[in-house]
Structure formats: structure tokens, C-alpha cells
Protein backbone atom coordinates (compact mmCIF):
# COMPACT_ATOMS: atom_id res chain seq x y z
CA MET A 1 -32.76 12.07 65.44
CA ALA A 2 -32.39 15.95 65.24
CA ALA A 3 -28.75 15.78 64.12
CA ARG A 4 -29.83 13.50 61.29
CA SER A 5 -32.70 15.80 60.29
CA VAL A 6 -30.18 18.59 59.97
CA CYS A 7 -27.86 16.58 57.88
CA ARG A 8 -30.73 15.81 55.47
CA ALA A 9 -31.78 19.42 55.49
CA GLY A 10 -28.31 20.55 54.84
CA SER A 11 -27.78 18.20 52.04
CA ALA A 12 -31.08 19.50 50.51
CA ALA A 13 -29.96 22.93 50.81
CA GLY A 14 -26.59 22.12 49.39
CA ARG A 15 -28.31 20.41 46.23
CA ALA A 16 -30.54 23.46 45.89
CA LEU A 17 -27.59 25.97 45.91
CA LEU A 18 -25.48 23.71 43.54
CA TRP A 19 -28.29 22.86 41.05
CA GLY A 20 -30.64 25.75 41.46
CA PRO A 21 -34.41 25.62 41.11
CA ARG A 22 -35.89 22.55 39.40
CA PRO A 23 -37.21 23.15 35.73
CA SER A 24 -40.81 23.09 35.50
CA ALA A 25 -42.66 19.93 33.87
CA ALA A 26 -43.38 21.92 30.78
CA LEU A 27 -39.69 22.96 30.28
CA LEU A 28 -38.62 19.22 30.67
CA THR A 29 -41.04 18.27 28.02
CA LEU A 30 -40.00 20.97 25.72
CA THR A 31 -36.25 19.97 26.24
CA ARG A 32 -36.89 16.31 25.43
CA LYS A 33 -38.99 17.22 22.25
CA ARG A 34 -36.10 19.41 20.86
CA GLY A 35 -33.53 16.67 21.75
CA ALA A 36 -35.82 14.01 19.70
CA ALA A 37 -35.65 15.84 16.64
CA THR A 38 -31.75 16.61 16.78
CA TYR A 39 -30.48 13.67 14.76
CA ALA A 40 -32.32 14.62 11.53
CA GLN A 41 -31.43 18.11 12.01
CA THR A 42 -27.83 17.47 12.76
CA LEU A 43 -27.32 15.56 9.41
CA GLN A 44 -29.03 18.49 7.58
CA ASN A 45 -27.07 21.21 9.23
CA ILE A 46 -23.44 19.72 9.03
CA PRO A 47 -21.31 22.43 7.02
CA GLU A 48 -20.42 21.31 3.40
CA THR A 49 -16.71 20.11 3.12
CA GLN A 50 -15.05 22.56 0.70
CA VAL A 51 -12.11 21.24 -1.39
CA THR A 52 -9.63 23.11 -3.64
CA THR A 53 -7.06 21.41 -5.64
CA LEU A 54 -3.88 23.64 -6.11
CA GLU A 55 -1.64 23.83 -9.34
CA ASN A 56 0.85 21.41 -7.97
CA GLY A 57 -1.95 18.66 -7.18
CA LEU A 58 -2.11 19.43 -3.33
CA ARG A 59 -5.74 19.09 -2.15
CA VAL A 60 -7.02 21.58 0.38
CA ALA A 61 -10.20 20.70 2.18
CA SER A 62 -11.93 22.23 5.27
CA GLU A 63 -15.21 22.39 7.19
CA GLU A 64 -16.04 25.53 8.63
CA SER A 65 -17.80 25.62 12.31
CA ASN A 66 -18.21 28.12 15.24
CA HIS A 67 -15.59 26.28 17.21
CA PRO A 68 -12.76 28.56 18.83
CA THR A 69 -10.23 25.97 18.04
CA CYS A 70 -9.26 24.18 14.78
CA THR A 71 -7.27 21.11 13.97
CA VAL A 72 -5.00 21.32 10.80
CA GLY A 73 -3.39 18.15 9.37
CA VAL A 74 -1.62 16.77 6.42
CA TRP A 75 -2.57 13.33 5.30
CA ILE A 76 -0.19 11.59 3.04
CA GLU A 77 -0.60 8.53 0.96
CA ALA A 78 2.30 6.58 2.47
CA GLY A 79 2.75 3.87 4.81
CA SER A 80 4.31 0.41 5.36
CA ARG A 81 2.40 -0.94 2.19
CA TYR A 82 4.69 1.27 0.13
CA GLU A 83 7.93 -0.40 1.65
CA ASP A 84 9.69 -3.54 0.66
CA SER A 85 11.33 -6.05 3.06
CA LYS A 86 14.53 -3.96 3.29
CA THR A 87 13.05 -0.67 3.98
CA ASN A 88 10.16 -1.78 6.17
CA GLY A 89 9.99 0.55 9.08
CA ALA A 90 11.21 3.72 7.11
CA ALA A 91 7.65 5.30 7.33
CA PHE A 92 7.51 4.81 11.07
CA PHE A 93 11.08 6.34 11.40
CA VAL A 94 10.17 9.11 9.26
CA GLU A 95 7.28 9.98 11.51
CA HIS A 96 9.50 10.04 14.52
CA MET A 97 11.89 12.33 12.90
CA ALA A 98 9.43 14.66 11.49
CA LEU A 99 8.44 15.57 14.97
CA LYS A 100 12.09 16.26 16.15
CA GLY A 101 12.98 19.60 14.32
CA THR A 102 13.34 20.72 10.80
CA LYS A 103 16.02 22.63 8.93
CA LYS A 104 14.50 25.99 9.61
CA ARG A 105 13.62 24.97 13.26
CA PRO A 106 16.44 22.69 14.55
CA GLY A 107 16.25 20.55 17.69
CA SER A 108 13.85 21.84 20.32
CA ALA A 109 12.97 24.99 18.36
CA PHE A 110 10.22 23.42 16.44
CA GLU A 111 8.63 22.01 19.59
CA LYS A 112 8.87 25.34 21.54
CA GLU A 113 7.18 27.07 18.68
CA VAL A 114 4.50 24.65 18.95
CA GLU A 115 3.99 24.98 22.66
CA SER A 116 4.27 28.84 22.39
CA LEU A 117 1.02 28.66 20.62
CA GLY A 118 -0.61 26.45 23.36
CA ALA A 119 -1.08 24.00 20.47
CA HIS A 120 -0.84 20.08 20.28
CA LEU A 121 0.94 18.34 17.53
CA ASN A 122 0.87 14.79 16.82
CA GLY A 123 1.18 12.25 14.21
CA TYR A 124 0.64 8.40 13.20
CA THR A 125 1.65 5.96 10.57
CA SER A 126 -0.58 3.20 9.38
CA ARG A 127 -0.15 0.67 6.43
CA GLU A 128 -1.50 2.92 3.85
CA GLN A 129 -1.12 6.47 5.34
CA THR A 130 0.79 8.99 7.19
CA ALA A 131 -0.63 11.94 8.98
CA PHE A 132 0.63 15.02 11.01
CA TYR A 133 -1.83 17.56 12.68
CA ILE A 134 -1.89 20.34 14.87
CA LYS A 135 -4.71 21.44 17.45
CA ALA A 136 -4.68 25.27 17.99
CA LEU A 137 -6.66 28.34 18.65
CA SER A 138 -8.59 29.15 15.17
CA LYS A 139 -6.76 32.59 15.10
CA ASP A 140 -3.39 30.51 14.83
CA MET A 141 -4.28 28.44 11.85
CA PRO A 142 -2.02 30.27 9.24
CA LYS A 143 0.96 29.54 11.77
CA ALA A 144 -0.24 25.78 12.08
CA VAL A 145 -0.16 25.40 8.10
CA GLU A 146 3.44 27.10 8.20
CA LEU A 147 4.73 24.45 10.82
CA LEU A 148 3.18 21.59 9.15
CA SER A 149 4.67 22.55 5.78
CA ASP A 150 8.00 23.15 7.11
CA LEU A 151 7.64 19.61 8.89
CA VAL A 152 6.74 17.75 5.76
CA GLN A 153 9.17 19.73 3.46
CA ASN A 154 12.17 20.23 5.58
CA CYS A 155 12.59 17.41 7.93
CA ALA A 156 16.21 17.73 9.46
CA LEU A 157 17.14 13.98 9.45
CA GLU A 158 20.26 14.90 11.46
CA ASP A 159 22.60 12.00 12.03
CA SER A 160 22.80 12.59 15.83
CA GLN A 161 18.83 12.79 16.20
CA ILE A 162 18.45 9.70 13.97
CA GLU A 163 20.75 7.63 16.41
CA LYS A 164 18.65 8.87 19.52
CA GLU A 165 15.38 8.14 17.73
CA ARG A 166 16.81 4.71 16.54
CA VAL A 167 17.13 3.81 20.42
CA VAL A 168 13.72 5.05 20.99
CA ILE A 169 12.03 2.81 18.45
CA LEU A 170 14.00 -0.19 19.35
CA GLN A 171 12.70 0.49 22.81
CA GLU A 172 9.11 0.83 21.44
CA LEU A 173 9.53 -2.41 19.58
CA LYS A 174 10.15 -4.32 22.81
CA GLU A 175 7.43 -2.92 24.40
CA MET A 176 4.98 -3.71 21.58
CA ASP A 177 5.99 -7.15 21.85
CA SER A 178 4.23 -7.28 25.15
CA ASN A 179 1.02 -6.19 23.64
CA LEU A 180 -0.56 -9.53 22.66
CA ALA A 181 -3.51 -8.16 20.70
CA ASP A 182 -1.10 -5.98 18.35
CA VAL A 183 1.23 -9.13 18.04
CA THR A 184 -1.78 -11.17 17.03
CA PHE A 185 -3.12 -8.58 14.32
CA ASP A 186 0.38 -8.37 12.85
CA TYR A 187 0.49 -12.28 12.66
CA LEU A 188 -2.81 -12.07 11.02
CA HIS A 189 -1.62 -9.75 8.43
CA ALA A 190 1.61 -11.85 7.83
CA THR A 191 -0.32 -15.08 7.17
CA ALA A 192 -3.44 -13.53 5.18
CA TYR A 193 -1.17 -11.39 2.89
CA GLN A 194 2.16 -13.46 2.95
CA GLY A 195 4.73 -12.48 0.47
CA THR A 196 3.14 -9.09 -0.32
CA SER A 197 3.73 -5.54 1.25
CA LEU A 198 0.55 -5.77 3.64
CA ALA A 199 2.32 -8.66 5.39
CA HIS A 200 4.77 -5.96 6.74
CA THR A 201 4.30 -4.55 10.33
CA VAL A 202 4.03 -0.66 10.52
CA GLU A 203 6.91 -0.35 12.78
CA GLY A 204 9.29 -2.54 10.93
CA THR A 205 11.61 -5.29 12.17
CA THR A 206 14.32 -4.85 14.66
CA ASP A 207 17.13 -5.61 12.05
CA ASN A 208 15.85 -3.05 9.77
CA ILE A 209 15.55 -0.19 12.40
CA LYS A 210 19.15 -0.95 13.41
CA ARG A 211 20.63 -0.47 10.00
CA MET A 212 18.42 2.23 8.43
CA THR A 213 20.54 4.83 7.44
CA ARG A 214 19.81 8.70 6.69
CA GLY A 215 19.91 8.07 3.19
CA ASP A 216 17.11 5.34 3.36
CA LEU A 217 14.94 7.93 5.22
CA ALA A 218 15.77 10.88 2.74
CA SER A 219 14.79 8.42 -0.26
CA TYR A 220 11.58 7.38 1.31
CA VAL A 221 10.56 11.13 1.81
CA ASP A 222 11.48 12.27 -1.69
CA THR A 223 9.85 9.27 -3.22
CA HIS A 224 6.46 9.48 -1.41
CA PHE A 225 5.94 13.10 0.05
CA LYS A 226 4.36 14.52 -3.14
CA ALA A 227 1.76 17.07 -3.42
CA PRO A 228 -0.72 14.78 -5.52
CA ARG A 229 -0.48 12.16 -2.66
CA MET A 230 -1.35 14.75 0.16
CA VAL A 231 -4.43 16.38 1.52
CA LEU A 232 -4.35 19.57 3.72
CA ALA A 233 -7.34 19.27 6.00
CA ALA A 234 -8.78 21.64 8.38
CA ALA A 235 -11.88 21.76 10.74
CA GLY A 236 -13.13 24.16 13.25
CA GLY A 237 -13.41 28.08 13.22
CA ILE A 238 -11.42 28.78 10.10
CA SER A 239 -12.09 30.13 6.84
CA HIS A 240 -11.47 27.98 3.53
CA LYS A 241 -10.29 30.96 1.56
CA GLU A 242 -7.64 31.75 4.46
CA LEU A 243 -6.51 27.93 4.31
CA VAL A 244 -6.02 27.98 0.83
CA ASP A 245 -4.11 31.24 0.80
CA ALA A 246 -1.87 29.74 3.55
CA ALA A 247 -1.28 26.51 1.60
CA LYS A 248 -0.42 28.48 -1.50
CA GLN A 249 2.03 30.52 0.48
CA HIS A 250 3.93 27.67 2.39
CA PHE A 251 3.32 24.50 0.56
CA THR A 252 5.72 25.46 -2.38
CA GLY A 253 9.03 23.73 -1.60
CA ALA A 254 10.79 20.86 -3.33
CA PRO A 255 7.93 18.44 -3.05
CA PHE A 256 5.35 20.92 -4.21
CA THR A 257 6.82 22.87 -6.97
CA SER A 258 5.36 20.48 -9.56
CA LYS A 259 3.15 17.36 -9.76
CA GLY A 260 6.31 15.38 -9.25
CA ASP A 261 6.94 11.85 -10.36
CA SER A 262 4.35 9.35 -10.00
CA VAL A 263 4.84 6.40 -7.48
CA PRO A 264 4.38 3.02 -9.12
CA ALA A 265 1.05 1.65 -8.69
CA LEU A 266 0.23 -0.73 -5.67
CA LYS A 267 0.37 -4.36 -6.59
CA ARG A 268 -2.59 -6.35 -5.49
CA CYS A 269 -2.09 -8.05 -2.35
CA ARG A 270 -3.36 -11.55 -2.46
CA PHE A 271 -5.33 -13.14 0.44
CA THR A 272 -4.29 -16.48 1.44
CA GLY A 273 -6.37 -18.73 3.69
CA SER A 274 -3.59 -19.98 6.13
CA GLU A 275 -2.62 -19.79 9.62
CA ILE A 276 0.14 -18.74 12.26
CA ARG A 277 0.43 -20.32 15.75
CA ALA A 278 2.68 -18.99 18.53
CA ARG A 279 2.15 -21.35 21.35
CA ASP A 280 3.39 -20.13 24.62
CA ASP A 281 1.87 -21.95 27.72
CA GLY A 282 3.53 -19.74 30.08
CA LEU A 283 0.86 -17.13 29.11
CA PRO A 284 -2.35 -16.72 31.01
CA LEU A 285 -4.62 -15.95 28.08
CA ALA A 286 -4.88 -16.92 24.30
CA HIS A 287 -5.43 -14.23 21.76
CA ILE A 288 -6.91 -15.63 18.58
CA ALA A 289 -8.11 -13.78 15.52
CA LEU A 290 -9.87 -15.26 12.53
CA ALA A 291 -10.72 -13.38 9.30
CA VAL A 292 -11.79 -13.83 5.65
CA GLU A 293 -10.84 -11.32 2.88
CA GLY A 294 -13.19 -8.40 2.97
CA PRO A 295 -13.68 -5.49 0.49
CA GLY A 296 -11.52 -2.33 -0.22
CA TRP A 297 -12.43 1.07 1.24
CA ALA A 298 -14.76 2.10 -1.65
CA ASP A 299 -16.87 -1.11 -1.92
CA PRO A 300 -20.50 -0.55 -1.00
CA ASP A 301 -20.46 -3.77 0.81
CA ASN A 302 -18.61 -2.57 3.57
CA VAL A 303 -21.92 -0.73 4.99
CA VAL A 304 -23.55 -4.16 5.04
CA LEU A 305 -20.56 -5.66 6.69
CA ASN A 306 -20.50 -3.05 9.36
CA VAL A 307 -24.12 -3.63 10.17
CA ALA A 308 -23.22 -7.25 10.53
CA ASN A 309 -20.60 -6.54 12.78
CA ALA A 310 -22.89 -4.48 14.85
CA ILE A 311 -25.28 -7.47 15.25
CA ILE A 312 -22.56 -9.60 16.51
CA GLY A 313 -21.75 -6.81 18.92
CA ARG A 314 -18.55 -6.77 21.44
CA TYR A 315 -18.09 -7.80 24.83
CA ASP A 316 -15.64 -7.31 27.97
CA ARG A 317 -16.05 -8.66 31.35
CA THR A 318 -16.02 -5.29 32.64
CA PHE A 319 -19.29 -4.67 30.69
CA GLY A 320 -22.74 -4.39 32.55
CA GLY A 321 -25.84 -6.01 31.35
CA GLY A 322 -24.43 -9.60 31.91
CA LYS A 323 -26.63 -12.28 29.96
CA ASN A 324 -29.05 -9.69 28.92
CA GLN A 325 -27.13 -7.95 26.30
CA SER A 326 -28.56 -7.75 22.86
CA SER A 327 -25.66 -9.62 21.33
CA LYS A 328 -26.22 -13.38 21.15
CA LEU A 329 -22.46 -13.99 21.20
CA ALA A 330 -22.15 -11.92 24.39
CA THR A 331 -25.02 -13.80 26.06
CA LEU A 332 -23.18 -17.06 25.27
CA ALA A 333 -19.99 -15.69 26.53
CA VAL A 334 -21.54 -14.59 29.94
CA GLU A 335 -23.58 -17.77 30.31
CA HIS A 336 -20.90 -20.22 29.52
CA ASN A 337 -17.66 -18.17 30.65
CA LEU A 338 -16.20 -18.43 27.23
CA CYS A 339 -13.87 -15.43 26.99
CA HIS A 340 -12.59 -12.28 28.63
CA SER A 341 -13.38 -10.24 25.68
CA PHE A 342 -14.24 -10.40 21.82
CA GLU A 343 -14.68 -7.80 19.02
CA PRO A 344 -15.28 -8.16 15.25
CA PHE A 345 -13.39 -5.72 13.02
CA ASN A 346 -13.63 -4.65 9.40
CA THR A 347 -10.16 -3.53 8.31
CA CYS A 348 -10.05 -1.95 4.88
CA TYR A 349 -7.40 -1.10 2.55
CA SER A 350 -7.53 0.22 -1.00
CA ASP A 351 -8.15 -2.89 -2.82
CA THR A 352 -8.66 -5.64 -0.10
CA GLY A 353 -9.56 -6.00 3.62
CA LEU A 354 -9.74 -8.29 6.79
CA PHE A 355 -13.39 -9.03 7.88
CA GLY A 356 -13.20 -11.10 11.22
CA PHE A 357 -13.19 -11.10 15.06
CA HIS A 358 -10.87 -11.50 17.83
CA PHE A 359 -11.04 -12.81 21.35
CA VAL A 360 -9.13 -13.53 24.38
CA SER A 361 -10.04 -16.40 26.47
CA ASP A 362 -8.70 -19.04 28.91
CA PRO A 363 -6.79 -21.84 27.60
CA LEU A 364 -9.84 -24.44 28.23
CA SER A 365 -12.52 -22.19 26.66
CA VAL A 366 -10.59 -21.62 23.16
CA ASP A 367 -12.52 -24.47 21.45
CA ASP A 368 -15.91 -23.42 22.71
CA MET A 369 -15.50 -19.91 22.04
CA MET A 370 -14.36 -20.48 18.60
CA PHE A 371 -17.18 -22.85 17.96
CA CYS A 372 -19.86 -20.18 18.92
CA ALA A 373 -18.02 -17.40 17.15
CA GLN A 374 -18.00 -19.32 13.83
CA GLY A 375 -21.62 -20.50 14.61
CA GLU A 376 -22.69 -16.71 14.79
CA TRP A 377 -20.98 -16.09 11.50
CA MET A 378 -23.09 -18.97 9.95
CA ARG A 379 -26.27 -17.49 11.67
CA LEU A 380 -25.42 -14.22 9.96
CA CYS A 381 -25.34 -15.91 6.51
CA THR A 382 -28.55 -17.90 6.95
CA SER A 383 -30.76 -16.55 9.84
CA THR A 384 -30.37 -12.83 10.32
CA THR A 385 -33.61 -10.98 11.26
CA GLU A 386 -35.06 -7.76 10.65
CA SER A 387 -35.20 -6.82 14.41
CA GLU A 388 -31.46 -7.42 14.73
CA VAL A 389 -30.67 -5.26 11.65
CA THR A 390 -32.77 -2.34 13.09
CA ARG A 391 -30.96 -2.47 16.24
CA ALA A 392 -27.56 -2.71 14.53
CA LYS A 393 -28.24 0.28 12.25
CA ASN A 394 -29.17 2.33 15.11
CA TYR A 395 -25.91 1.51 16.62
CA LEU A 396 -23.97 2.45 13.57
CA ARG A 397 -25.98 5.73 13.49
CA ASN A 398 -24.79 6.58 16.91
CA ALA A 399 -21.20 5.72 16.07
CA MET A 400 -21.48 7.90 12.90
CA VAL A 401 -22.85 10.92 14.72
CA ALA A 402 -19.98 10.67 17.37
CA GLN A 403 -17.45 11.39 14.56
CA LEU A 404 -18.67 15.05 14.90
CA ASP A 405 -17.35 15.23 18.47
CA GLY A 406 -14.51 17.64 18.28
CA THR A 407 -12.42 19.26 15.35
CA THR A 408 -9.73 16.51 15.55
CA ARG A 409 -11.92 13.80 14.56
CA VAL A 410 -13.72 15.69 11.94
CA CYS A 411 -10.41 16.70 10.39
CA GLU A 412 -9.07 13.23 10.33
CA ASN A 413 -12.43 12.11 8.76
CA ILE A 414 -11.90 14.64 6.15
CA GLY A 415 -8.25 13.76 5.35
CA SER A 416 -8.79 10.13 5.23
CA HIS A 417 -12.01 10.30 3.16
CA LEU A 418 -10.17 12.34 0.40
CA LEU A 419 -7.30 9.79 0.33
CA HIS A 420 -9.84 6.76 0.49
CA TYR A 421 -12.63 7.75 -1.55
CA GLY A 422 -11.62 10.97 -3.49
CA ARG A 423 -14.19 12.96 -1.68
CA ARG A 424 -15.68 13.61 1.68
CA ILE A 425 -18.76 11.66 1.72
CA PRO A 426 -21.70 13.38 3.85
CA LEU A 427 -23.12 11.90 6.90
CA GLU A 428 -26.51 12.12 5.24
CA GLU A 429 -25.34 9.80 2.44
CA TRP A 430 -23.84 7.57 5.10
CA ASP A 431 -27.26 7.48 6.72
CA ALA A 432 -29.20 6.89 3.69
CA ARG A 433 -26.91 3.76 2.79
CA ILE A 434 -27.33 2.27 6.33
CA SER A 435 -31.01 2.90 6.10
CA ALA A 436 -31.21 0.83 3.03
CA VAL A 437 -29.69 -2.40 4.39
CA ASP A 438 -32.18 -4.99 5.44
CA ALA A 439 -31.86 -8.49 6.76
CA LYS A 440 -31.65 -10.27 3.24
CA MET A 441 -28.87 -7.88 2.21
CA VAL A 442 -27.04 -8.93 5.43
CA ARG A 443 -27.31 -12.52 4.63
CA ASP A 444 -26.39 -12.11 1.08
CA VAL A 445 -23.39 -10.15 1.57
CA CYS A 446 -22.07 -12.21 4.55
CA SER A 447 -22.59 -15.51 2.45
CA LYS A 448 -20.52 -13.65 -0.13
CA TYR A 449 -17.59 -13.12 2.03
CA ILE A 450 -17.88 -15.61 4.78
CA TYR A 451 -19.74 -18.71 3.76
CA ASP A 452 -17.45 -21.63 2.63
CA LYS A 453 -14.50 -19.42 2.43
CA CYS A 454 -10.90 -20.22 3.77
CA PRO A 455 -9.99 -18.05 6.71
CA ALA A 456 -6.68 -16.63 7.94
CA ILE A 457 -6.02 -17.46 11.53
CA ALA A 458 -3.46 -15.99 14.14
CA ALA A 459 -3.15 -17.45 17.61
CA VAL A 460 -0.91 -16.47 20.53
CA GLY A 461 -0.56 -17.95 23.94
CA PRO A 462 -1.81 -21.27 25.24
CA ILE A 463 -3.45 -22.47 22.33
CA GLU A 464 -3.21 -26.07 22.61
CA GLN A 465 -7.07 -26.44 22.59
CA LEU A 466 -7.35 -24.60 19.18
CA LEU A 467 -8.53 -27.20 16.52
CA ASP A 468 -6.64 -28.12 13.51
CA TYR A 469 -7.01 -25.68 10.46
CA ASN A 470 -9.06 -28.26 8.59
CA ARG A 471 -11.61 -28.55 11.43
CA LEU A 472 -11.94 -24.71 11.70
CA ARG A 473 -12.20 -24.48 7.77
CA SER A 474 -15.20 -27.10 7.93
CA ALA A 475 -16.94 -24.91 10.37
CA MET A 476 -17.19 -22.13 7.61
CA TYR A 477 -20.56 -23.95 6.14
CA TRP A 478 -23.16 -25.73 7.50
CA VAL A 479 -24.31 -29.21 6.04
CA ARG A 480 -28.03 -29.01 5.27
CA LEU A 481 -30.12 -31.97 4.52
């Protein structure tokens, strides 16, 4: 008994040393009150995004804060959508090569210079944009701009390095084939936008990667890496004037000496209601994605569709809450063991988009899960309630404020916004758009995009139970008497 008392006393003493004295009730109340007002204050106190367009067309944008670090990046209007069937994979290949040295800093010299700053360099390629960014101490911002300009203007594209990266990319393609979620979404694009550039995968085909030459990569860079198609964005403890000065000093090479030749306008990618089925009964789980055509980036309907997706919610078996979750589809999934996970999506491009859902289920649950998911879509079109909309709007507000977490997310937000919208949309404006959504708007907009529309479907794995396309199409409306 005494030993146990000593242990308890020791634990209490340890907690007192670690945590210090407990705050008074008055202080806790004050803290809670201060926290309750921070959402509105946060929206009002976000620094303004400053934008300067240089003579050569390069847009320089920044958001200053008191962070000791900064993120600086170049966002380029280039990606797999700007490729054809023969050059598909060029953007992804160029991204790999750009991180492997420049003409001024060959081989590992570029990487060593980045590491000497204690900085982090990364990049990515999507269907409509390519980005390279560096996270470093704020005082090293001018050096980061210099490195980025060298990377974009003077990519070495050495033959020996191309062969090394070719092997790396081919290995990545093999590994990507094992990610069934990514495979399903690539199939979804292939069937929804068949015959168009949006049907291409970002990474390209194995055959294309094998035969890609230095000339192909150099041609892609010369064609697309133009100043008017780029945004130099920065966020953190930096000065906009210093950023502009650094851009004027370093972004002056061949792609930046003038506004350059204009790239041909993108062709409209026509959406097709169709399907791709890749049945493999040897796989344990089925991956299925269903989508209708959604709006492009700048369409105001996107806010309403994002509210609709928040109403549907998302689910994974690892989530807590069980059948008590607010999402009705999640409740059904738990009660009837319909799936391992599901998630809605709203993927936007310049002039079109994919609005849909993706789920992973056991082979014998495919039909039931699809029935419930499509039924939830019909309910959005006909029976959405105000209480559901209120909950969904609060969820979106939380996700919106989370964008302020760290300089990298803010920097990416700035760069992407300028490419997509031509300006950085303030969070206050997003909040006003979200607040304006009501249940009738959700019903009307969902009916516009979902009700009685032909979907695109991609299915991979043991999908024998997936119904015929005509049956799935008939579930896109309700017969009312």
C-alpha cells in the first residue's frame, strides 16, 4: 500500500515539475474567449498578396509574414495536357532532369549548394502545371531565387544524366502500377477525356520514356518555359521589393529576355460518358471511381460542389466514430460493411473538371456500395437540408484556414491561384462565398452537374459484381410519380 502511495505521489510530483502550476479558472476562461475570436481575426489579418509583373511578363507575387523561414518557388503553366501522344511524359522527365544539375552547377554541385543553405528543394508535375520550390531561411531568399532561375533557365540535360534518369523513371512507372488508386484515376481520365490531351497520364508511357531524346526535352523546355507562363511566388519573412529586385537580376536569361512566342491555346477537352474495366480477380479489393463533368477552376459553382462533397464526407475503416459519424454514407458503410474507404473529389482544370467519388471495397460489396453512393448523389439533388449545409460549410472553413499552416502551403496557394485565377483570392472572399451557400443552391447546382448525366467510370480489380453501364446510368435519376 505504501509503495503504491509513493508511486502515485511521485507521479504527481513529476507532472507538477513537467507542467508547472495549473492556470487559474479566470485565465482558462480568458484563453477560451481569445481563441473563440481568432477565426474572424485571422481572416482580417492575413497579409495582402503583393503582385508585380516584370517587363518580360513574369509575375512576381509574395505574402510577407514574421516567419524566420520562407518558401520561394516557380509555378509554370505546363504539364501533361500540353503534350501529344508522342511527347507524353516530357514534362515529368524535365522535372527529374531539372533537379539534377544545371550548366552553371553541373552534377551534384547544385544539390550541394542547396544543402549548404540547409534548404529543401522539391518539385512536382501535374496535368496543367509544373512547380519547383525551395524552403530556406528568410535571409537566404535572394540565393534561393538565383538557384531557381538557374534551374529553370539552364537545365543541363546531359546525355549521361538523361540515361540515368530514364532508368529511375521506368522503375517509378513499375511502382506506380502497384498503386491501384492512382491507376484507377488514370483510367478515369483516359475514359472521360478519351482522344484528348487530358487522357494522358502525367508520367507518360513506358514506350515514350524509353525513346525520349535530349532534343525532345530541350524542345519542351524552349516551348513552354516562357516568362508570361510563370509565377515566381514567395511566402514568409521576406520583402516584396527584395524579391522583385532578385527576380529582375536573375530571371533574365533566354526564356526571359522578351515575352516570347505564345503557346497555342489549349483545345477544349470533351467529356465522354463511358467506362474502363480492368478486371483482375487475383486482387483482394476493388477500386472504383465514378465521375461526371465538373466546372473549370474559375467557375463559382465549385464552391457549392465543394460544400456538397463535404456533406458526403469521407470514410476509412481506421476512422473513429463508427456509425455515429455525421456523413450518412459513412454511417451506411459502417452498418452494412460496404467498403474499406470512400472519398469524393472535385478535380478542376482550366475549362473542365471531374466531380465524383472513389471507393475501395470487397468483391461482394461492390454493388451495394455503388447503389448507396449513387443514392447519396440523388439525395443531394433533391433532399439536401440546411443543417447538413451548415456542417459542411464549417468543415470547409476549417480546411481553408489550414492552408495558412506553414510557408510552403501559402506559397503554393499563391502560385497556383495566379495561374488558375489570374490573382490570389483572399480567404475573406472565399469565406463570403462559402457563407452564401444554402441548401437550395446545393440542390440546384448538384442537379445541374449530376442529375440524369452520363458518368465516366473506371474500375480495377475483382469487379465482377459491378453492374452493366446502362444500369449504372439509370441510377443517375429517380423516377417520381
